[in-house]
Amino acid sequence: MMNFSGSVLRTLPRFTCRRYIVPGVRMLSEDSKPPEVVTEKRGNVFLIGINRPYAKNAVSIFTGEQLLEAFQEFEKDKSSLVAVFYGVGNCFCSGFDLKFLSKAPTDMRRDIIYAPMGPSKIRISKPIIGAINGYAVAGGLELALVCDLRVMEESAIIGIFCRRFGVPLLDGGTVRLPQLIGLSRALDLILTGRPVTAKEALEFGIANRVVPDGTALEEAIKLANQIASFPQKCMKADRRSAYYSCYDSTSLEDAMRYEHNNGKPIIAKESVAGASKFVSGVGRSGSFDEFKAKL
């Protein structure tokens, strides 16, 4: 059963990030400037950015550790209601750093076997929106799939490009993708590794919004602000139920029972007050004026 209770993040076993020297590979330690992952608070929105534009935001073992810490920080921060995940520069993420991997010592390869991209095997209790520009490929696509919603620029490309080099999906790609778009379409992407445009990604259901180039981050922040403006207990309860039905339920009856038991306490906490607002005239005729997206 999915555990989203409280603000404590449930983590699965993680790699150990020791300070290796890999000849010929540019690496930044956690004490280096600039950091490989940057974070920023904008009101109730928590921004997490991969900051390796010189490597098309490919993730090294150090980047993965910093990403994990950033997502843990978001989870623990009660005032941060929605996260926006993006790549600094002109690329979301090109996957795991293969230059790094090709020169890695044997013992380090053992260390990064589990969740090499960092936050892919933790459970977050709050929504995450991905702002996808440039490439989100291989492990970068797996990171995009960690997000609840994906805002994708018109020229962006996704794909399992690691198919060409014998690098397996270790960060949930074979788990999340079939749940998201169905087994047949997922196998098309997994087996061929082919590039997928934003238009096709929208048709498949991988992209939730397609926006003009250069606007993915801005539009993702607007969407995050809108979601943050809704009654939060109800939104999070419905999100929990949706994930439970996809990944943890044993039957239709089990999923229905979970939905009922999970949502029932919300009636007293938020629904009665919400009904009173509706009666007073808020939201009539399907209006979302009170919840308009903003930066």
Protein backbone atom coordinates (compact mmCIF):
# COMPACT_ATOMS: atom_id res chain seq x y z
CA MET A 1 0.00 0.00 0.00
CA MET A 2 1.26 3.48 -0.83
CA ASN A 3 2.32 5.41 2.24
CA PHE A 4 1.79 9.14 1.80
CA SER A 5 1.00 9.85 5.45
CA GLY A 6 2.38 12.96 7.10
CA SER A 7 5.38 14.86 5.79
CA VAL A 8 7.93 12.09 6.30
CA LEU A 9 9.30 10.78 3.05
CA ARG A 10 9.38 7.00 2.68
CA THR A 11 12.61 6.13 0.93
CA LEU A 12 13.83 2.91 -0.59
CA PRO A 13 17.47 1.74 -0.39
CA ARG A 14 19.76 4.27 -2.00
CA PHE A 15 23.23 4.35 -3.41
CA THR A 16 26.23 5.58 -1.48
CA CYS A 17 27.87 8.64 -2.99
CA ARG A 18 31.57 8.40 -2.28
CA ARG A 19 33.98 10.91 -3.80
CA TYR A 20 35.48 9.11 -6.77
CA ILE A 21 37.98 10.58 -9.17
CA VAL A 22 37.07 9.54 -12.69
CA PRO A 23 39.79 10.49 -15.19
CA GLY A 24 38.66 12.69 -18.07
CA VAL A 25 35.19 13.38 -16.65
CA ARG A 26 34.09 16.77 -15.35
CA MET A 27 32.53 16.24 -11.93
CA LEU A 28 31.37 18.68 -9.29
CA SER A 29 31.37 17.62 -5.66
CA GLU A 30 28.67 18.76 -3.26
CA ASP A 31 30.96 21.59 -2.12
CA SER A 32 31.69 22.84 -5.63
CA LYS A 33 30.26 25.96 -7.21
CA PRO A 34 27.88 25.98 -8.95
CA PRO A 35 25.82 23.09 -7.54
CA GLU A 36 24.61 20.38 -9.90
CA VAL A 37 21.06 20.87 -8.64
CA VAL A 38 19.48 24.24 -7.83
CA THR A 39 16.32 24.94 -5.83
CA GLU A 40 14.17 28.02 -5.37
CA LYS A 41 10.98 28.90 -3.49
CA ARG A 42 8.35 31.04 -5.24
CA GLY A 43 5.48 31.31 -2.83
CA ASN A 44 4.01 27.84 -2.46
CA VAL A 45 5.90 26.51 -5.47
CA PHE A 46 9.25 24.75 -5.04
CA LEU A 47 11.53 24.76 -8.10
CA ILE A 48 14.09 21.99 -8.63
CA GLY A 49 16.53 22.36 -11.52
CA ILE A 50 19.24 20.08 -12.90
CA ASN A 51 22.20 22.42 -13.34
CA ARG A 52 24.62 20.68 -15.72
CA PRO A 53 23.93 22.49 -19.00
CA TYR A 54 27.49 21.80 -20.18
CA ALA A 55 26.55 18.09 -20.22
CA LYS A 56 22.95 18.51 -21.48
CA ASN A 57 21.93 18.00 -17.86
CA ALA A 58 23.12 14.38 -17.84
CA VAL A 59 22.99 13.02 -14.31
CA SER A 60 26.14 11.84 -12.55
CA ILE A 61 26.17 10.01 -9.24
CA PHE A 62 26.65 13.37 -7.53
CA THR A 63 23.72 14.93 -9.39
CA GLY A 64 21.51 12.02 -8.41
CA GLU A 65 22.32 12.46 -4.74
CA GLN A 66 21.62 16.20 -4.90
CA LEU A 67 18.32 15.59 -6.71
CA LEU A 68 17.28 13.15 -3.99
CA GLU A 69 18.11 15.71 -1.31
CA ALA A 70 16.16 18.42 -3.17
CA PHE A 71 13.04 16.28 -3.39
CA GLN A 72 13.37 15.38 0.28
CA GLU A 73 13.57 19.09 1.09
CA PHE A 74 10.40 19.73 -0.93
CA GLU A 75 8.55 16.93 0.83
CA LYS A 76 9.48 18.18 4.28
CA ASP A 77 8.66 21.84 3.60
CA LYS A 78 5.03 22.26 4.64
CA SER A 79 4.70 25.60 2.87
CA SER A 80 5.77 24.10 -0.47
CA LEU A 81 2.63 22.65 -2.04
CA VAL A 82 3.72 21.86 -5.61
CA ALA A 83 7.15 21.27 -7.16
CA VAL A 84 8.28 22.26 -10.65
CA PHE A 85 11.12 20.10 -12.02
CA TYR A 86 13.18 21.46 -14.92
CA GLY A 87 16.58 21.52 -16.58
CA VAL A 88 18.76 24.63 -16.59
CA GLY A 89 19.54 25.77 -20.13
CA ASN A 90 18.19 24.22 -23.32
CA CYS A 91 17.68 20.61 -22.20
CA PHE A 92 15.61 18.91 -19.50
CA CYS A 93 17.85 15.87 -19.04
CA SER A 94 19.78 13.65 -21.46
CA GLY A 95 19.89 10.71 -19.06
CA PHE A 96 22.67 9.25 -16.96
CA ASP A 97 26.14 10.58 -17.77
CA LEU A 98 27.55 7.81 -19.98
CA LYS A 99 30.97 9.46 -20.09
CA PHE A 100 30.99 9.25 -16.32
CA LEU A 101 29.78 5.63 -16.41
CA SER A 102 32.29 4.52 -19.06
CA LYS A 103 35.22 5.53 -16.84
CA ALA A 104 33.74 4.60 -13.47
CA PRO A 105 35.67 2.17 -11.24
CA THR A 106 34.05 -1.20 -10.60
CA ASP A 107 33.09 -0.52 -6.98
CA MET A 108 31.31 2.71 -7.95
CA ARG A 109 29.30 0.87 -10.58
CA ARG A 110 27.98 -1.37 -7.81
CA ASP A 111 27.05 1.70 -5.75
CA ILE A 112 24.91 3.27 -8.45
CA ILE A 113 23.01 0.13 -9.47
CA TYR A 114 19.96 1.24 -7.44
CA ALA A 115 18.16 4.48 -8.44
CA PRO A 116 21.10 6.03 -10.32
CA MET A 117 19.00 9.05 -11.35
CA GLY A 118 18.33 9.92 -7.68
CA PRO A 119 14.66 10.53 -6.78
CA SER A 120 13.04 7.91 -9.00
CA LYS A 121 12.18 5.41 -6.26
CA ILE A 122 10.82 7.61 -3.52
CA ARG A 123 7.21 8.52 -2.94
CA ILE A 124 6.27 12.16 -2.71
CA SER A 125 2.96 13.20 -1.17
CA LYS A 126 2.60 16.41 -3.22
CA PRO A 127 2.28 17.10 -6.95
CA ILE A 128 5.31 17.51 -9.21
CA ILE A 129 5.12 19.22 -12.60
CA GLY A 130 7.84 18.66 -15.18
CA ALA A 131 8.87 21.53 -17.50
CA ILE A 132 10.28 19.67 -20.51
CA ASN A 133 12.44 21.43 -23.08
CA GLY A 134 15.10 20.13 -25.44
CA TYR A 135 15.65 16.45 -24.73
CA ALA A 136 14.16 14.25 -22.02
CA VAL A 137 15.68 10.95 -23.03
CA ALA A 138 16.81 7.67 -21.46
CA GLY A 139 17.04 8.31 -17.70
CA GLY A 140 15.84 11.85 -18.40
CA LEU A 141 12.54 10.44 -19.60
CA GLU A 142 12.39 8.33 -16.45
CA LEU A 143 12.78 11.50 -14.39
CA ALA A 144 10.02 13.16 -16.42
CA LEU A 145 7.78 10.19 -15.60
CA VAL A 146 8.33 10.81 -11.88
CA CYS A 147 6.27 13.99 -12.38
CA ASP A 148 2.49 13.99 -12.08
CA LEU A 149 2.12 16.30 -15.10
CA ARG A 150 4.46 17.27 -17.93
CA VAL A 151 4.45 20.62 -19.75
CA MET A 152 6.41 20.07 -22.98
CA GLU A 153 7.76 22.58 -25.45
CA GLU A 154 6.87 22.18 -29.13
CA SER A 155 10.39 21.24 -30.23
CA ALA A 156 11.14 18.96 -27.28
CA ILE A 157 11.97 15.31 -27.85
CA ILE A 158 11.54 12.32 -25.57
CA GLY A 159 12.76 8.78 -26.08
CA ILE A 160 14.61 5.83 -24.65
CA PHE A 161 17.84 6.63 -26.47
CA CYS A 162 19.83 4.34 -24.15
CA ARG A 163 18.42 1.42 -26.20
CA ARG A 164 21.30 1.98 -28.64
CA PHE A 165 24.01 1.42 -26.03
CA GLY A 166 22.77 -1.45 -23.87
CA VAL A 167 21.95 0.72 -20.87
CA PRO A 168 18.80 -0.59 -19.12
CA LEU A 169 15.99 1.38 -17.57
CA LEU A 170 16.66 1.27 -13.82
CA ASP A 171 14.62 4.24 -12.62
CA GLY A 172 11.03 3.19 -13.15
CA GLY A 173 10.74 3.54 -16.92
CA THR A 174 9.40 0.01 -17.43
CA VAL A 175 7.04 0.48 -14.47
CA ARG A 176 5.59 3.95 -14.96
CA LEU A 177 5.42 4.14 -18.75
CA PRO A 178 3.03 1.16 -19.27
CA GLN A 179 0.79 2.49 -16.49
CA LEU A 180 0.75 5.91 -18.10
CA ILE A 181 0.14 5.08 -21.76
CA GLY A 182 -0.60 1.35 -21.92
CA LEU A 183 1.66 -1.64 -22.61
CA SER A 184 1.50 -1.55 -26.41
CA ARG A 185 2.58 2.07 -26.77
CA ALA A 186 5.12 1.70 -23.96
CA LEU A 187 6.73 -1.27 -25.69
CA ASP A 188 6.94 0.73 -28.91
CA LEU A 189 9.09 3.28 -27.10
CA ILE A 190 10.99 0.78 -24.94
CA LEU A 191 11.91 -1.67 -27.69
CA THR A 192 12.77 0.80 -30.44
CA GLY A 193 14.16 3.70 -28.42
CA ARG A 194 12.85 6.00 -31.14
CA PRO A 195 12.49 9.78 -30.72
CA VAL A 196 9.00 11.03 -29.92
CA THR A 197 7.91 14.59 -30.68
CA ALA A 198 5.84 16.76 -28.37
CA LYS A 199 2.82 16.32 -30.63
CA GLU A 200 2.99 12.53 -30.42
CA ALA A 201 3.77 12.65 -26.71
CA LEU A 202 0.56 14.64 -26.22
CA GLU A 203 -1.40 12.11 -28.26
CA PHE A 204 0.09 9.27 -26.19
CA GLY A 205 -0.68 10.99 -22.90
CA ILE A 206 2.94 11.49 -21.82
CA ALA A 207 2.70 15.26 -22.30
CA ASN A 208 -0.21 17.02 -20.61
CA ARG A 209 0.39 20.42 -22.21
CA VAL A 210 2.37 21.46 -25.29
CA VAL A 211 3.54 25.07 -25.22
CA PRO A 212 5.68 27.33 -27.41
CA ASP A 213 9.44 26.97 -27.15
CA GLY A 214 10.97 28.90 -24.29
CA THR A 215 7.80 28.88 -22.16
CA ALA A 216 7.69 25.45 -20.49
CA LEU A 217 9.04 26.64 -17.15
CA GLU A 218 6.78 29.68 -17.05
CA GLU A 219 3.70 27.63 -17.94
CA ALA A 220 4.61 24.90 -15.44
CA ILE A 221 4.87 27.50 -12.68
CA LYS A 222 1.46 28.91 -13.63
CA LEU A 223 -0.03 25.43 -13.48
CA ALA A 224 1.66 24.75 -10.14
CA ASN A 225 0.24 27.96 -8.70
CA GLN A 226 -3.23 27.01 -9.83
CA ILE A 227 -2.98 23.58 -8.21
CA ALA A 228 -1.57 25.18 -5.05
CA SER A 229 -4.64 27.45 -4.88
CA PHE A 230 -7.09 24.53 -4.54
CA PRO A 231 -8.15 23.05 -1.17
CA GLN A 232 -5.07 20.92 -0.47
CA LYS A 233 -6.37 18.09 1.70
CA CYS A 234 -8.98 17.14 -0.90
CA MET A 235 -6.55 17.42 -3.81
CA LYS A 236 -3.93 15.26 -2.07
CA ALA A 237 -6.52 12.67 -1.02
CA ASP A 238 -7.75 12.27 -4.61
CA ARG A 239 -4.15 12.07 -5.83
CA ARG A 240 -3.42 9.31 -3.29
CA SER A 241 -6.48 7.36 -4.43
CA ALA A 242 -5.51 7.62 -8.09
CA TYR A 243 -1.99 6.32 -7.44
CA TYR A 244 -3.30 3.57 -5.18
CA SER A 245 -5.70 2.33 -7.84
CA CYS A 246 -2.87 2.15 -10.42
CA TYR A 247 -0.06 0.65 -8.38
CA ASP A 248 -1.23 -0.87 -5.11
CA SER A 249 -4.84 -2.03 -5.28
CA THR A 250 -5.55 -5.74 -5.49
CA SER A 251 -8.99 -5.43 -7.09
CA LEU A 252 -11.66 -2.97 -8.19
CA GLU A 253 -13.40 -3.48 -4.85
CA ASP A 254 -10.16 -2.76 -2.98
CA ALA A 255 -9.57 0.43 -4.97
CA MET A 256 -13.14 1.60 -4.39
CA ARG A 257 -12.89 0.92 -0.66
CA TYR A 258 -9.60 2.83 -0.44
CA GLU A 259 -11.07 5.79 -2.32
CA HIS A 260 -14.03 5.94 0.07
CA ASN A 261 -12.01 5.56 3.26
CA ASN A 262 -9.34 7.97 2.04
CA GLY A 263 -11.80 10.65 0.96
CA LYS A 264 -14.39 10.42 3.73
CA PRO A 265 -12.48 12.54 6.31
CA ILE A 266 -12.22 15.38 3.79
CA ILE A 267 -15.97 16.08 3.95
CA ALA A 268 -15.68 17.66 7.40
CA LYS A 269 -12.24 19.17 6.80
CA GLU A 270 -12.84 20.98 3.50
CA SER A 271 -16.02 20.00 1.67
CA VAL A 272 -18.57 21.70 3.93
CA ALA A 273 -16.69 25.00 3.74
CA GLY A 274 -16.35 24.57 -0.03
CA ALA A 275 -20.07 23.97 -0.40
CA SER A 276 -20.77 27.16 1.54
CA LYS A 277 -18.51 29.12 -0.84
CA PHE A 278 -20.42 27.72 -3.81
CA VAL A 279 -23.75 28.68 -2.25
CA SER A 280 -22.41 32.22 -1.77
CA GLY A 281 -21.78 32.46 -5.53
CA VAL A 282 -18.11 31.39 -5.93
CA GLY A 283 -17.44 29.14 -8.93
CA ARG A 284 -20.89 29.39 -10.48
CA SER A 285 -21.26 28.37 -14.15
CA GLY A 286 -18.02 26.43 -13.97
CA SER A 287 -15.92 29.52 -13.27
CA PHE A 288 -12.28 29.04 -12.24
CA ASP A 289 -11.69 32.80 -11.83
CA GLU A 290 -10.68 32.39 -8.19
CA PHE A 291 -8.06 29.83 -9.21
CA LYS A 292 -6.61 31.49 -12.30
CA ALA A 293 -3.05 30.38 -13.02
CA LYS A 294 -0.45 32.98 -12.18
CA LEU A 295 3.32 33.30 -12.00
